[in-house]
């Protein structure tokens, strides 16, 4: 009886130790999971901050693009008026007939891999939707620049030689002339192209191309602002 009693106590003690060990392991695993989850959440919030910074850089670039390429659009409207017998070349920078455009946002290139790892599905989806908007502008940029290379430069610079070499090769100033608002297009030669049957269709293509670019750019600007708001909201909620 005494031996049985001692064995029962030993068994109970051993089982108690096993239970304590198992409980300790489970608690340790739970704490480790909690710490890891907290670390991942912190990393995600830090990613939001970095993404917001680059989104704001994108926003600044977008405003510059919008301002610059609305000047292109104004020029095409004025040239179309001239072709219709209204207005003059005064105040027009006709270099926009042969100049390409740019679109170089930074968020997509800097955070593509990071975004795929974000745990917040809603945020990840909104960022991917923003990238879709950027892709549309990139496509519009590509189409416009291809038009410049394959259509307008051959027409104006090769076929009609409207380039003004005297301005382009001014030895006293090596600055890129359009950056100073100085045209490298000979307006006298340009006037001679206005009566050409291809002039108006070409201007129309340019107008539609830059119009599409500006429309897709505006969509990206709106998506950019909404995404910044959403990320700031998530950061604020995490702070509470």
Protein backbone atom coordinates (compact mmCIF):
# COMPACT_ATOMS: atom_id res chain seq x y z
CA UNK A 1 0.00 0.00 0.00
CA UNK A 2 2.81 2.34 0.91
CA UNK A 3 4.63 1.57 -2.35
CA UNK A 4 1.48 2.14 -4.37
CA UNK A 5 0.91 5.44 -2.59
CA UNK A 6 4.47 6.57 -3.26
CA UNK A 7 4.20 5.55 -6.94
CA UNK A 8 0.95 7.46 -7.31
CA UNK A 9 2.54 10.54 -5.78
CA UNK A 10 5.58 10.18 -8.06
CA UNK A 11 3.34 9.73 -11.08
CA UNK A 12 1.27 12.75 -10.16
CA UNK A 13 4.46 14.77 -9.61
CA UNK A 14 5.89 13.66 -12.98
CA UNK A 15 2.66 14.43 -14.78
CA UNK A 16 2.61 17.82 -13.11
CA UNK A 17 6.15 18.53 -14.27
CA UNK A 18 5.27 17.45 -17.82
CA UNK A 19 2.20 19.67 -17.81
CA UNK A 20 4.27 22.61 -16.55
CA UNK A 21 6.93 22.03 -19.22
CA UNK A 22 4.34 21.75 -21.98
CA UNK A 23 2.53 24.83 -20.68
CA UNK A 24 5.84 26.71 -20.58
CA UNK A 25 6.63 25.71 -24.16
CA UNK A 26 3.17 26.77 -25.36
CA UNK A 27 3.46 30.10 -23.54
CA UNK A 28 6.92 30.66 -25.01
CA UNK A 29 5.62 29.90 -28.51
CA UNK A 30 2.69 32.24 -27.95
CA UNK A 31 4.99 35.02 -26.74
CA UNK A 32 7.32 34.43 -29.68
CA UNK A 33 4.37 34.60 -32.11
CA UNK A 34 3.11 37.76 -30.43
CA UNK A 35 6.53 39.40 -30.63
CA UNK A 36 6.93 38.38 -34.25
CA UNK A 37 3.46 39.68 -35.09
CA UNK A 38 4.23 42.97 -33.35
CA UNK A 39 7.54 43.21 -35.22
CA UNK A 40 5.82 42.55 -38.58
CA UNK A 41 3.17 45.15 -37.81
CA UNK A 42 5.85 47.67 -36.95
CA UNK A 43 7.72 46.90 -40.17
CA UNK A 44 4.51 47.36 -42.14
CA UNK A 45 3.85 50.73 -40.53
CA UNK A 46 7.42 51.79 -41.33
CA UNK A 47 6.80 50.70 -44.92
CA UNK A 48 3.70 52.91 -44.99
CA UNK A 49 5.83 55.89 -43.96
CA UNK A 50 8.36 55.23 -46.71
CA UNK A 51 5.61 54.72 -49.30
CA UNK A 52 3.93 57.99 -48.27
CA UNK A 53 7.24 59.82 -48.71
CA UNK A 54 7.60 58.53 -52.26
CA UNK A 55 3.92 59.13 -53.03
CA UNK A 56 4.46 62.77 -52.13
CA UNK A 57 7.45 62.86 -54.47
CA UNK A 58 5.23 61.41 -57.19
CA UNK A 59 2.63 64.07 -56.44
CA UNK A 60 5.20 66.86 -56.88
CA UNK A 61 6.35 65.35 -60.19
CA UNK A 62 2.75 65.02 -61.39
CA UNK A 63 2.08 68.72 -60.82
CA UNK A 64 5.21 69.57 -62.82
CA UNK A 65 4.20 67.23 -65.64
CA UNK A 66 0.67 68.61 -65.71
CA UNK A 67 1.90 72.20 -65.94
CA UNK A 68 4.52 71.44 -68.59
CA UNK A 69 2.37 69.32 -70.86
CA UNK A 70 -0.63 71.62 -70.68
CA UNK A 71 1.74 74.05 -72.45
CA UNK A 72 2.06 71.43 -75.19
CA UNK A 73 -1.72 71.22 -75.42
CA UNK A 74 -2.06 75.03 -75.58
CA UNK A 75 0.45 75.10 -78.43
CA UNK A 76 -1.48 72.51 -80.45
CA UNK A 77 -4.74 74.43 -80.02
CA UNK A 78 -3.06 77.66 -81.15
CA UNK A 79 -1.48 75.99 -84.16
CA UNK A 80 -4.85 74.55 -85.12
CA UNK A 81 -6.33 78.07 -84.90
CA UNK A 82 -3.55 79.39 -87.14
CA UNK A 83 -4.26 76.66 -89.68
CA UNK A 84 -7.88 77.86 -89.63
CA UNK A 85 -6.74 81.42 -90.34
CA UNK A 86 -6.93 82.72 -86.76
CA UNK A 87 -4.11 83.95 -84.53
CA UNK A 88 -0.35 84.04 -85.09
CA UNK A 89 2.81 82.24 -84.05
CA UNK A 90 3.64 84.99 -81.57
CA UNK A 91 4.12 83.60 -78.07
CA UNK A 92 4.14 79.98 -79.26
CA UNK A 93 7.01 77.60 -78.59
CA UNK A 94 6.72 75.32 -81.64
CA UNK A 95 9.43 72.99 -80.35
CA UNK A 96 6.58 71.08 -78.72
CA UNK A 97 5.89 69.72 -82.20
CA UNK A 98 9.06 67.64 -82.00
CA UNK A 99 9.68 67.30 -78.25
CA UNK A 100 8.98 64.13 -76.32
CA UNK A 101 7.49 63.86 -72.82
CA UNK A 102 8.47 62.13 -69.58
CA UNK A 103 6.85 60.15 -66.81
CA UNK A 104 9.16 58.86 -64.07
CA UNK A 105 7.32 58.29 -60.76
CA UNK A 106 9.38 56.75 -57.96
CA UNK A 107 6.91 54.81 -55.78
CA UNK A 108 6.44 51.87 -58.11
CA UNK A 109 10.15 51.28 -58.74
CA UNK A 110 11.09 51.74 -55.07
CA UNK A 111 8.40 49.62 -53.42
CA UNK A 112 7.19 46.94 -55.83
CA UNK A 113 8.72 44.07 -53.83
CA UNK A 114 7.78 45.57 -50.45
CA UNK A 115 4.15 46.01 -51.43
CA UNK A 116 3.78 42.35 -52.33
CA UNK A 117 4.64 41.51 -48.70
CA UNK A 118 2.16 43.86 -47.04
CA UNK A 119 -0.28 42.09 -44.74
CA UNK A 120 -3.13 44.57 -45.04
CA UNK A 121 -5.06 43.33 -48.06
CA UNK A 122 -7.01 46.56 -48.47
CA UNK A 123 -3.87 48.70 -48.53
CA UNK A 124 -2.12 46.30 -50.89
CA UNK A 125 -5.09 46.35 -53.26
CA UNK A 126 -5.26 50.16 -53.28
CA UNK A 127 -1.55 50.44 -54.01
CA UNK A 128 -1.85 47.96 -56.86
CA UNK A 129 -4.78 49.97 -58.24
CA UNK A 130 -2.54 53.05 -58.08
CA UNK A 131 0.09 51.15 -60.06
CA UNK A 132 -2.54 50.32 -62.68
CA UNK A 133 -3.14 54.07 -63.05
CA UNK A 134 0.60 54.63 -63.44
CA UNK A 135 0.74 51.95 -66.13
CA UNK A 136 -1.90 53.85 -68.11
CA UNK A 137 0.19 57.03 -68.03
CA UNK A 138 3.29 55.06 -69.01
CA UNK A 139 1.40 53.67 -72.00
CA UNK A 140 0.20 57.16 -72.98
CA UNK A 141 3.79 58.42 -72.68
CA UNK A 142 5.09 55.63 -74.88
CA UNK A 143 2.43 56.20 -77.55
CA UNK A 144 3.03 59.96 -77.64
CA UNK A 145 6.81 59.64 -77.86
CA UNK A 146 6.51 57.07 -80.63
CA UNK A 147 4.37 59.56 -82.53
CA UNK A 148 7.03 62.23 -82.09
CA UNK A 149 9.77 59.92 -83.36
CA UNK A 150 7.90 58.32 -86.26
CA UNK A 151 5.60 61.16 -87.37
CA UNK A 152 6.39 64.72 -86.38
CA UNK A 153 10.19 64.75 -86.40
CA UNK A 154 10.41 63.22 -89.90
CA UNK A 155 7.73 65.65 -91.16
CA UNK A 156 9.07 68.88 -89.64
CA UNK A 157 12.80 68.26 -89.25
CA UNK A 158 13.58 66.08 -92.28
CA UNK A 159 10.92 66.70 -94.88
CA UNK A 160 10.54 70.44 -94.26
CA UNK A 161 13.80 71.23 -92.39
CA UNK A 162 12.25 73.75 -90.02
CA UNK A 163 15.12 73.43 -87.54
CA UNK A 164 16.92 76.73 -86.88
CA UNK A 165 20.62 75.84 -86.72
CA UNK A 166 21.65 79.42 -85.95
CA UNK A 167 19.82 79.22 -82.62
CA UNK A 168 20.79 75.63 -81.90
CA UNK A 169 24.49 76.31 -82.47
CA UNK A 170 24.80 79.66 -80.72
CA UNK A 171 28.40 79.41 -79.48
CA UNK A 172 27.81 81.97 -76.76
CA UNK A 173 25.21 79.78 -75.05
CA UNK A 174 25.34 75.99 -74.88
CA UNK A 175 22.14 75.69 -72.81
CA UNK A 176 19.32 73.56 -74.20
CA UNK A 177 17.27 76.38 -75.85
CA UNK A 178 13.73 75.18 -74.97
CA UNK A 179 14.69 75.19 -71.29
CA UNK A 180 15.04 78.94 -71.63
CA UNK A 181 11.85 79.33 -73.62
CA UNK A 182 13.85 79.89 -76.82
CA UNK A 183 12.60 78.10 -79.92
CA UNK A 184 14.90 76.18 -82.25
CA UNK A 185 12.19 76.13 -84.94
CA UNK A 186 12.40 78.58 -87.84
CA UNK A 187 8.93 80.16 -87.77
CA UNK A 188 9.16 81.28 -91.40
CA UNK A 189 9.75 77.69 -92.51
CA UNK A 190 7.09 76.48 -90.09
CA UNK A 191 4.51 78.79 -91.66
CA UNK A 192 5.23 77.11 -94.97
CA UNK A 193 4.11 73.77 -93.55
CA UNK A 194 0.73 75.01 -92.27
CA UNK A 195 -0.88 74.73 -95.71
CA UNK A 196 0.38 71.17 -96.12
CA UNK A 197 -2.55 68.68 -96.12
CA UNK A 198 -0.87 66.63 -93.41
CA UNK A 199 -0.36 69.56 -91.00
CA UNK A 200 -3.82 69.57 -89.39
CA UNK A 201 -4.09 65.76 -89.08
CA UNK A 202 -0.67 65.75 -87.44
CA UNK A 203 -1.65 68.50 -85.00
CA UNK A 204 -4.84 66.56 -84.25
CA UNK A 205 -2.86 63.42 -83.43
CA UNK A 206 -0.59 65.37 -81.11
CA UNK A 207 -3.57 67.03 -79.43
CA UNK A 208 -5.24 63.66 -78.78
CA UNK A 209 -2.00 62.06 -77.64
CA UNK A 210 -1.16 64.71 -75.08
CA UNK A 211 -4.82 64.93 -74.09
CA UNK A 212 -4.85 61.22 -73.29
CA UNK A 213 -1.62 61.60 -71.34
CA UNK A 214 -3.08 64.44 -69.25
CA UNK A 215 -6.31 62.52 -68.62
CA UNK A 216 -4.48 59.44 -67.35
CA UNK A 217 -2.13 61.67 -65.36
CA UNK A 218 -5.10 63.27 -63.62
CA UNK A 219 -6.40 59.81 -62.73
CA UNK A 220 -3.02 58.98 -61.18
CA UNK A 221 -3.00 62.24 -59.25
CA UNK A 222 -6.41 61.47 -57.74
CA UNK A 223 -5.38 57.91 -56.87
CA UNK A 224 -2.17 59.25 -55.34
CA UNK A 225 -4.02 61.64 -53.03
CA UNK A 226 -6.54 58.98 -51.95
CA UNK A 227 -3.77 56.49 -51.23
CA UNK A 228 -1.86 58.98 -49.07
CA UNK A 229 -5.06 59.61 -47.07
CA UNK A 230 -5.64 55.89 -46.58
CA UNK A 231 -2.07 55.21 -45.45
CA UNK A 232 -2.15 58.15 -43.03
CA UNK A 233 -5.45 56.87 -41.67
CA UNK A 234 -3.93 53.43 -41.04
CA UNK A 235 -0.94 55.00 -39.28
CA UNK A 236 -3.23 57.08 -37.12
CA UNK A 237 -5.35 54.08 -36.17
CA UNK A 238 -2.21 52.10 -35.29
CA UNK A 239 -1.10 54.99 -33.07
CA UNK A 240 -4.36 54.83 -31.17
